Amino acid sequence: MTQRLWLGLAVVYACTAVVQLYLLASTGAVWAGTLTAVGFAAALLCVLAAWKSSDRKRDDTREIDSPRS
């Protein structure tokens, strides 16, 4: 569940960054370029958090399924 939330947030940030990129291209506003970079960086960090949460979930599952000595 946590992985889906992170991926959803990454999509939101990426879409916002694309809109800012359009504003940068159409108006040449410097602030739009800054927000584009920040949006793409935030999306990347959310994808990394989703990937990390999926690894943690798999590790937890292995621990439960492994036989105890």
Protein backbone atom coordinates (compact mmCIF):
# COMPACT_ATOMS: atom_id res chain seq x y z
CA MET A 1 0.00 0.00 0.00
CA THR A 2 2.79 2.45 0.88
CA GLN A 3 4.48 1.81 -2.44
CA ARG A 4 1.34 2.83 -4.35
CA LEU A 5 1.08 6.05 -2.35
CA TRP A 6 4.66 7.00 -3.16
CA LEU A 7 4.16 6.20 -6.84
CA GLY A 8 0.95 8.22 -6.94
CA LEU A 9 2.74 11.18 -5.40
CA ALA A 10 5.53 10.79 -7.96
CA VAL A 11 2.97 10.96 -10.77
CA VAL A 12 1.46 14.13 -9.30
CA TYR A 13 4.89 15.78 -9.05
CA ALA A 14 5.84 14.70 -12.56
CA CYS A 15 2.59 16.05 -14.04
CA THR A 16 3.06 19.34 -12.22
CA ALA A 17 6.62 19.54 -13.51
CA VAL A 18 5.41 18.98 -17.08
CA VAL A 19 2.95 21.85 -16.72
CA GLN A 20 5.74 24.05 -15.38
CA LEU A 21 7.92 22.97 -18.31
CA TYR A 22 5.18 24.10 -20.68
CA LEU A 23 5.02 27.46 -18.91
CA LEU A 24 8.79 27.76 -19.20
CA ALA A 25 8.69 27.03 -22.92
CA SER A 26 5.77 29.33 -23.65
CA THR A 27 6.63 32.31 -21.44
CA GLY A 28 10.33 31.96 -20.70
CA ALA A 29 9.73 32.59 -17.00
CA VAL A 30 12.74 31.63 -14.89
CA TRP A 31 10.56 30.66 -11.93
CA ALA A 32 8.85 28.04 -14.10
CA GLY A 33 12.22 26.47 -14.86
CA THR A 34 13.08 26.35 -11.18
CA LEU A 35 9.76 24.72 -10.33
CA THR A 36 10.23 22.24 -13.18
CA ALA A 37 13.56 21.12 -11.75
CA VAL A 38 12.15 20.89 -8.23
CA GLY A 39 9.12 18.92 -9.45
CA PHE A 40 11.19 16.38 -11.35
CA ALA A 41 13.56 16.00 -8.38
CA ALA A 42 10.62 15.44 -6.03
CA ALA A 43 9.16 12.86 -8.42
CA LEU A 44 12.48 11.04 -8.54
CA LEU A 45 12.73 11.02 -4.75
CA CYS A 46 9.20 9.62 -4.50
CA VAL A 47 10.06 6.83 -6.95
CA LEU A 48 13.13 6.00 -4.87
CA ALA A 49 11.01 5.94 -1.71
CA ALA A 50 8.53 3.60 -3.41
CA TRP A 51 11.36 1.32 -4.50
CA LYS A 52 12.80 1.30 -0.99
CA SER A 53 9.41 0.51 0.55
CA SER A 54 8.96 -2.42 -1.83
CA ASP A 55 12.35 -3.85 -0.78
CA ARG A 56 11.43 -3.53 2.88
CA LYS A 57 8.13 -5.32 2.28
CA ARG A 58 9.88 -8.20 0.50
CA ASP A 59 12.44 -8.50 3.31
CA ASP A 60 9.65 -8.64 5.89
CA THR A 61 7.91 -11.39 3.91
CA ARG A 62 11.08 -13.46 3.67
CA GLU A 63 11.55 -13.21 7.40
CA ILE A 64 8.04 -14.47 8.09
CA ASP A 65 8.25 -17.32 5.58
CA SER A 66 11.71 -18.52 6.61
CA PRO A 67 11.83 -21.49 9.00
CA ARG A 68 12.97 -20.76 12.53
CA SER A 69 15.67 -22.86 14.14
